[in-house]
Amino acid sequence: MTRFLFMIPLILCASGASAQQPGHDACARDVTRFCRPVMNNGDQAVLACLKEHRARLSKACDKVLTEHGQ
């Protein structure tokens, strides 16, 4: 679970955006809910999972991804 807490900021950094706590908080629940099986497969796998479930993401997480060009 600890590793999970650092994944969203790393994903946003990998996409060329700055890591910000609000982005992490906005997507933390969605990652746990939809992407738990791929959490240990790396940041890009989690990002791909979030994109796969885009229609089901919270508005806050969707907004963060959109703001970061995802």
PDB file of N, CA and C in Angstrom:
ATOM      1  N   MET A   1       0.820  -1.189   0.000  1.00  0.00           N
ATOM      2  CA  MET A   1       0.000   0.000   0.000  1.00  0.00           C
ATOM      3  C   MET A   1       0.868   1.259   0.000  1.00  0.00           C
ATOM      4  N   THR A   2       2.002   1.192   0.693  1.00  0.00           N
ATOM      5  CA  THR A   2       2.882   2.355   0.740  1.00  0.00           C
ATOM      6  C   THR A   2       3.369   2.716  -0.649  1.00  0.00           C
ATOM      7  N   ARG A   3       3.706   1.702  -1.435  1.00  0.00           N
ATOM      8  CA  ARG A   3       4.178   1.968  -2.789  1.00  0.00           C
ATOM      9  C   ARG A   3       3.099   2.704  -3.586  1.00  0.00           C
ATOM     10  N   PHE A   4       1.865   2.315  -3.389  1.00  0.00           N
ATOM     11  CA  PHE A   4       0.741   2.938  -4.077  1.00  0.00           C
ATOM     12  C   PHE A   4       0.687   4.442  -3.821  1.00  0.00           C
ATOM     13  N   LEU A   5       0.977   4.846  -2.601  1.00  0.00           N
ATOM     14  CA  LEU A   5       0.869   6.252  -2.240  1.00  0.00           C
ATOM     15  C   LEU A   5       1.803   7.140  -3.055  1.00  0.00           C
ATOM     16  N   PHE A   6       2.850   6.562  -3.612  1.00  0.00           N
ATOM     17  CA  PHE A   6       3.808   7.336  -4.387  1.00  0.00           C
ATOM     18  C   PHE A   6       3.616   7.196  -5.884  1.00  0.00           C
ATOM     19  N   MET A   7       2.704   6.366  -6.330  1.00  0.00           N
ATOM     20  CA  MET A   7       2.561   6.068  -7.747  1.00  0.00           C
ATOM     21  C   MET A   7       1.972   7.216  -8.557  1.00  0.00           C
ATOM     22  N   ILE A   8       0.927   7.839  -8.081  1.00  0.00           N
ATOM     23  CA  ILE A   8       0.276   8.887  -8.866  1.00  0.00           C
ATOM     24  C   ILE A   8       1.223  10.048  -9.135  1.00  0.00           C
ATOM     25  N   PRO A   9       1.944  10.571  -8.139  1.00  0.00           N
ATOM     26  CA  PRO A   9       2.884  11.648  -8.471  1.00  0.00           C
ATOM     27  C   PRO A   9       3.931  11.196  -9.483  1.00  0.00           C
ATOM     28  N   LEU A  10       4.369   9.956  -9.381  1.00  0.00           N
ATOM     29  CA  LEU A  10       5.354   9.460 -10.336  1.00  0.00           C
ATOM     30  C   LEU A  10       4.760   9.358 -11.731  1.00  0.00           C
ATOM     31  N   ILE A  11       3.520   8.961 -11.815  1.00  0.00           N
ATOM     32  CA  ILE A  11       2.848   8.884 -13.116  1.00  0.00           C
ATOM     33  C   ILE A  11       2.774  10.271 -13.736  1.00  0.00           C
ATOM     34  N   LEU A  12       2.409  11.240 -12.936  1.00  0.00           N
ATOM     35  CA  LEU A  12       2.295  12.598 -13.455  1.00  0.00           C
ATOM     36  C   LEU A  12       3.654  13.148 -13.866  1.00  0.00           C
ATOM     37  N   CYS A  13       4.699  12.795 -13.141  1.00  0.00           N
ATOM     38  CA  CYS A  13       6.056  13.213 -13.525  1.00  0.00           C
ATOM     39  C   CYS A  13       6.450  12.543 -14.830  1.00  0.00           C
ATOM     40  N   ALA A  14       6.136  11.274 -14.972  1.00  0.00           N
ATOM     41  CA  ALA A  14       6.488  10.538 -16.182  1.00  0.00           C
ATOM     42  C   ALA A  14       5.786  11.121 -17.401  1.00  0.00           C
ATOM     43  N   SER A  15       4.641  11.735 -17.184  1.00  0.00           N
ATOM     44  CA  SER A  15       3.911  12.320 -18.301  1.00  0.00           C
ATOM     45  C   SER A  15       4.371  13.744 -18.597  1.00  0.00           C
ATOM     46  N   GLY A  16       5.390  14.202 -17.879  1.00  0.00           N
ATOM     47  CA  GLY A  16       5.921  15.540 -18.124  1.00  0.00           C
ATOM     48  C   GLY A  16       5.290  16.613 -17.258  1.00  0.00           C
ATOM     49  N   ALA A  17       4.505  16.228 -16.311  1.00  0.00           N
ATOM     50  CA  ALA A  17       3.848  17.195 -15.433  1.00  0.00           C
ATOM     51  C   ALA A  17       4.543  17.196 -14.079  1.00  0.00           C
ATOM     52  N   SER A  18       4.317  18.240 -13.337  1.00  0.00           N
ATOM     53  CA  SER A  18       4.891  18.288 -12.000  1.00  0.00           C
ATOM     54  C   SER A  18       4.007  17.503 -11.046  1.00  0.00           C
ATOM     55  N   ALA A  19       4.645  16.801 -10.117  1.00  0.00           N
ATOM     56  CA  ALA A  19       3.895  16.017  -9.139  1.00  0.00           C
ATOM     57  C   ALA A  19       3.327  16.944  -8.087  1.00  0.00           C
ATOM     58  N   GLN A  20       2.030  16.835  -7.887  1.00  0.00           N
ATOM     59  CA  GLN A  20       1.371  17.664  -6.888  1.00  0.00           C
ATOM     60  C   GLN A  20       0.485  16.784  -6.037  1.00  0.00           C
ATOM     61  N   GLN A  21       0.435  17.041  -4.770  1.00  0.00           N
ATOM     62  CA  GLN A  21      -0.364  16.254  -3.842  1.00  0.00           C
ATOM     63  C   GLN A  21      -1.844  16.207  -4.228  1.00  0.00           C
ATOM     64  N   PRO A  22      -2.463  17.319  -4.662  1.00  0.00           N
ATOM     65  CA  PRO A  22      -3.881  17.237  -5.021  1.00  0.00           C
ATOM     66  C   PRO A  22      -4.158  16.203  -6.118  1.00  0.00           C
ATOM     67  N   GLY A  23      -3.262  16.060  -7.072  1.00  0.00           N
ATOM     68  CA  GLY A  23      -3.439  15.063  -8.121  1.00  0.00           C
ATOM     69  C   GLY A  23      -3.407  13.660  -7.559  1.00  0.00           C
ATOM     70  N   HIS A  24      -2.504  13.449  -6.651  1.00  0.00           N
ATOM     71  CA  HIS A  24      -2.403  12.139  -5.990  1.00  0.00           C
ATOM     72  C   HIS A  24      -3.686  11.847  -5.238  1.00  0.00           C
ATOM     73  N   ASP A  25      -4.132  12.795  -4.454  1.00  0.00           N
ATOM     74  CA  ASP A  25      -5.343  12.606  -3.662  1.00  0.00           C
ATOM     75  C   ASP A  25      -6.560  12.371  -4.548  1.00  0.00           C
ATOM     76  N   ALA A  26      -6.628  13.062  -5.668  1.00  0.00           N
ATOM     77  CA  ALA A  26      -7.785  12.958  -6.547  1.00  0.00           C
ATOM     78  C   ALA A  26      -7.912  11.578  -7.165  1.00  0.00           C
ATOM     79  N   CYS A  27      -6.793  10.923  -7.436  1.00  0.00           N
ATOM     80  CA  CYS A  27      -6.825   9.631  -8.133  1.00  0.00           C
ATOM     81  C   CYS A  27      -6.566   8.427  -7.239  1.00  0.00           C
ATOM     82  N   ALA A  28      -6.191   8.641  -6.001  1.00  0.00           N
ATOM     83  CA  ALA A  28      -5.833   7.536  -5.116  1.00  0.00           C
ATOM     84  C   ALA A  28      -6.958   6.503  -5.003  1.00  0.00           C
ATOM     85  N   ARG A  29      -8.156   6.959  -4.799  1.00  0.00           N
ATOM     86  CA  ARG A  29      -9.284   6.036  -4.645  1.00  0.00           C
ATOM     87  C   ARG A  29      -9.570   5.287  -5.953  1.00  0.00           C
ATOM     88  N   ASP A  30      -9.457   5.991  -7.082  1.00  0.00           N
ATOM     89  CA  ASP A  30      -9.705   5.355  -8.376  1.00  0.00           C
ATOM     90  C   ASP A  30      -8.653   4.290  -8.682  1.00  0.00           C
ATOM     91  N   VAL A  31      -7.407   4.568  -8.342  1.00  0.00           N
ATOM     92  CA  VAL A  31      -6.360   3.569  -8.560  1.00  0.00           C
ATOM     93  C   VAL A  31      -6.644   2.341  -7.720  1.00  0.00           C
ATOM     94  N   THR A  32      -6.993   2.543  -6.465  1.00  0.00           N
ATOM     95  CA  THR A  32      -7.301   1.410  -5.589  1.00  0.00           C
ATOM     96  C   THR A  32      -8.509   0.634  -6.107  1.00  0.00           C
ATOM     97  N   ARG A  33      -9.488   1.343  -6.582  1.00  0.00           N
ATOM     98  CA  ARG A  33     -10.740   0.728  -7.018  1.00  0.00           C
ATOM     99  C   ARG A  33     -10.616  -0.025  -8.340  1.00  0.00           C
ATOM    100  N   PHE A  34      -9.968   0.581  -9.321  1.00  0.00           N
ATOM    101  CA  PHE A  34      -9.947   0.010 -10.665  1.00  0.00           C
ATOM    102  C   PHE A  34      -8.626  -0.640 -11.056  1.00  0.00           C
ATOM    103  N   CYS A  35      -7.543  -0.238 -10.446  1.00  0.00           N
ATOM    104  CA  CYS A  35      -6.230  -0.638 -10.951  1.00  0.00           C
ATOM    105  C   CYS A  35      -5.388  -1.438  -9.964  1.00  0.00           C
ATOM    106  N   ARG A  36      -5.989  -1.935  -8.931  1.00  0.00           N
ATOM    107  CA  ARG A  36      -5.260  -2.714  -7.933  1.00  0.00           C
ATOM    108  C   ARG A  36      -4.448  -3.855  -8.554  1.00  0.00           C
ATOM    109  N   PRO A  37      -4.983  -4.590  -9.535  1.00  0.00           N
ATOM    110  CA  PRO A  37      -4.210  -5.709 -10.101  1.00  0.00           C
ATOM    111  C   PRO A  37      -2.910  -5.287 -10.802  1.00  0.00           C
ATOM    112  N   VAL A  38      -2.819  -4.048 -11.247  1.00  0.00           N
ATOM    113  CA  VAL A  38      -1.617  -3.615 -11.969  1.00  0.00           C
ATOM    114  C   VAL A  38      -0.743  -2.655 -11.160  1.00  0.00           C
ATOM    115  N   MET A  39      -1.069  -2.449  -9.914  1.00  0.00           N
ATOM    116  CA  MET A  39      -0.333  -1.481  -9.103  1.00  0.00           C
ATOM    117  C   MET A  39       1.157  -1.810  -9.002  1.00  0.00           C
ATOM    118  N   ASN A  40       1.525  -3.066  -9.046  1.00  0.00           N
ATOM    119  CA  ASN A  40       2.932  -3.459  -8.938  1.00  0.00           C
ATOM    120  C   ASN A  40       3.609  -3.585 -10.288  1.00  0.00           C
ATOM    121  N   ASN A  41       2.912  -3.238 -11.355  1.00  0.00           N
ATOM    122  CA  ASN A  41       3.471  -3.371 -12.704  1.00  0.00           C
ATOM    123  C   ASN A  41       4.105  -2.093 -13.217  1.00  0.00           C
ATOM    124  N   GLY A  42       4.180  -1.084 -12.397  1.00  0.00           N
ATOM    125  CA  GLY A  42       4.819   0.167 -12.797  1.00  0.00           C
ATOM    126  C   GLY A  42       3.814   1.276 -13.057  1.00  0.00           C
ATOM    127  N   ASP A  43       4.360   2.462 -13.092  1.00  0.00           N
ATOM    128  CA  ASP A  43       3.537   3.662 -13.223  1.00  0.00           C
ATOM    129  C   ASP A  43       2.789   3.731 -14.546  1.00  0.00           C
ATOM    130  N   GLN A  44       3.442   3.322 -15.613  1.00  0.00           N
ATOM    131  CA  GLN A  44       2.786   3.382 -16.923  1.00  0.00           C
ATOM    132  C   GLN A  44       1.607   2.419 -16.993  1.00  0.00           C
ATOM    133  N   ALA A  45       1.706   1.278 -16.318  1.00  0.00           N
ATOM    134  CA  ALA A  45       0.592   0.323 -16.280  1.00  0.00           C
ATOM    135  C   ALA A  45      -0.596   0.918 -15.536  1.00  0.00           C
ATOM    136  N   VAL A  46      -0.321   1.626 -14.448  1.00  0.00           N
ATOM    137  CA  VAL A  46      -1.399   2.268 -13.685  1.00  0.00           C
ATOM    138  C   VAL A  46      -2.040   3.376 -14.508  1.00  0.00           C
ATOM    139  N   LEU A  47      -1.219   4.157 -15.181  1.00  0.00           N
ATOM    140  CA  LEU A  47      -1.755   5.218 -16.029  1.00  0.00           C
ATOM    141  C   LEU A  47      -2.618   4.632 -17.138  1.00  0.00           C
ATOM    142  N   ALA A  48      -2.156   3.566 -17.768  1.00  0.00           N
ATOM    143  CA  ALA A  48      -2.940   2.907 -18.822  1.00  0.00           C
ATOM    144  C   ALA A  48      -4.262   2.388 -18.254  1.00  0.00           C
ATOM    145  N   CYS A  49      -4.214   1.854 -17.059  1.00  0.00           N
ATOM    146  CA  CYS A  49      -5.432   1.355 -16.412  1.00  0.00           C
ATOM    147  C   CYS A  49      -6.417   2.490 -16.152  1.00  0.00           C
ATOM    148  N   LEU A  50      -5.912   3.603 -15.657  1.00  0.00           N
ATOM    149  CA  LEU A  50      -6.797   4.748 -15.417  1.00  0.00           C
ATOM    150  C   LEU A  50      -7.445   5.204 -16.722  1.00  0.00           C
ATOM    151  N   LYS A  51      -6.663   5.214 -17.789  1.00  0.00           N
ATOM    152  CA  LYS A  51      -7.212   5.611 -19.086  1.00  0.00           C
ATOM    153  C   LYS A  51      -8.268   4.620 -19.565  1.00  0.00           C
ATOM    154  N   GLU A  52      -8.051   3.327 -19.314  1.00  0.00           N
ATOM    155  CA  GLU A  52      -9.040   2.304 -19.693  1.00  0.00           C
ATOM    156  C   GLU A  52     -10.369   2.519 -18.978  1.00  0.00           C
ATOM    157  N   HIS A  53     -10.295   2.983 -17.758  1.00  0.00           N
ATOM    158  CA  HIS A  53     -11.497   3.173 -16.941  1.00  0.00           C
ATOM    159  C   HIS A  53     -11.936   4.633 -16.896  1.00  0.00           C
ATOM    160  N   ARG A  54     -11.530   5.389 -17.860  1.00  0.00           N
ATOM    161  CA  ARG A  54     -11.769   6.837 -17.889  1.00  0.00           C
ATOM    162  C   ARG A  54     -13.231   7.198 -17.624  1.00  0.00           C
ATOM    163  N   ALA A  55     -14.149   6.494 -18.220  1.00  0.00           N
ATOM    164  CA  ALA A  55     -15.572   6.817 -18.073  1.00  0.00           C
ATOM    165  C   ALA A  55     -16.081   6.592 -16.647  1.00  0.00           C
ATOM    166  N   ARG A  56     -15.366   5.782 -15.879  1.00  0.00           N
ATOM    167  CA  ARG A  56     -15.800   5.456 -14.525  1.00  0.00           C
ATOM    168  C   ARG A  56     -15.027   6.206 -13.444  1.00  0.00           C
ATOM    169  N   LEU A  57     -14.020   6.991 -13.825  1.00  0.00           N
ATOM    170  CA  LEU A  57     -13.206   7.709 -12.853  1.00  0.00           C
ATOM    171  C   LEU A  57     -13.994   8.830 -12.196  1.00  0.00           C
ATOM    172  N   SER A  58     -13.545   9.200 -11.013  1.00  0.00           N
ATOM    173  CA  SER A  58     -14.156  10.353 -10.340  1.00  0.00           C
ATOM    174  C   SER A  58     -13.880  11.598 -11.176  1.00  0.00           C
ATOM    175  N   LYS A  59     -14.712  12.586 -11.020  1.00  0.00           N
ATOM    176  CA  LYS A  59     -14.529  13.836 -11.771  1.00  0.00           C
ATOM    177  C   LYS A  59     -13.187  14.479 -11.442  1.00  0.00           C
ATOM    178  N   ALA A  60     -12.785  14.398 -10.180  1.00  0.00           N
ATOM    179  CA  ALA A  60     -11.522  15.013  -9.761  1.00  0.00           C
ATOM    180  C   ALA A  60     -10.329  14.341 -10.432  1.00  0.00           C
ATOM    181  N   CYS A  61     -10.334  13.026 -10.486  1.00  0.00           N
ATOM    182  CA  CYS A  61      -9.227  12.298 -11.114  1.00  0.00           C
ATOM    183  C   CYS A  61      -9.224  12.545 -12.616  1.00  0.00           C
ATOM    184  N   ASP A  62     -10.380  12.509 -13.230  1.00  0.00           N
ATOM    185  CA  ASP A  62     -10.469  12.788 -14.666  1.00  0.00           C
ATOM    186  C   ASP A  62      -9.922  14.181 -14.972  1.00  0.00           C
ATOM    187  N   LYS A  63     -10.238  15.137 -14.124  1.00  0.00           N
ATOM    188  CA  LYS A  63      -9.757  16.506 -14.314  1.00  0.00           C
ATOM    189  C   LYS A  63      -8.232  16.566 -14.209  1.00  0.00           C
ATOM    190  N   VAL A  64      -7.663  15.870 -13.236  1.00  0.00           N
ATOM    191  CA  VAL A  64      -6.211  15.855 -13.067  1.00  0.00           C
ATOM    192  C   VAL A  64      -5.535  15.254 -14.297  1.00  0.00           C
ATOM    193  N   LEU A  65      -6.064  14.145 -14.786  1.00  0.00           N
ATOM    194  CA  LEU A  65      -5.482  13.521 -15.970  1.00  0.00           C
ATOM    195  C   LEU A  65      -5.575  14.456 -17.176  1.00  0.00           C
ATOM    196  N   THR A  66      -6.719  15.094 -17.343  1.00  0.00           N
ATOM    197  CA  THR A  66      -6.905  16.022 -18.452  1.00  0.00           C
ATOM    198  C   THR A  66      -5.929  17.198 -18.358  1.00  0.00           C
ATOM    199  N   GLU A  67      -5.796  17.740 -17.161  1.00  0.00           N
ATOM    200  CA  GLU A  67      -4.881  18.870 -16.953  1.00  0.00           C
ATOM    201  C   GLU A  67      -3.424  18.508 -17.246  1.00  0.00           C
ATOM    202  N   HIS A  68      -3.109  17.214 -17.135  1.00  0.00           N
ATOM    203  CA  HIS A  68      -1.737  16.754 -17.378  1.00  0.00           C
ATOM    204  C   HIS A  68      -1.592  16.099 -18.753  1.00  0.00           C
ATOM    205  N   GLY A  69      -2.528  16.376 -19.625  1.00  0.00           N
ATOM    206  CA  GLY A  69      -2.418  15.899 -20.998  1.00  0.00           C
ATOM    207  C   GLY A  69      -2.618  14.418 -21.195  1.00  0.00           C
ATOM    208  N   GLN A  70      -3.361  13.809 -20.318  1.00  0.00           N
ATOM    209  CA  GLN A  70      -3.570  12.362 -20.416  1.00  0.00           C
ATOM    210  C   GLN A  70      -4.976  12.039 -20.845  1.00  0.00           C
TER     211      GLN A  70
END
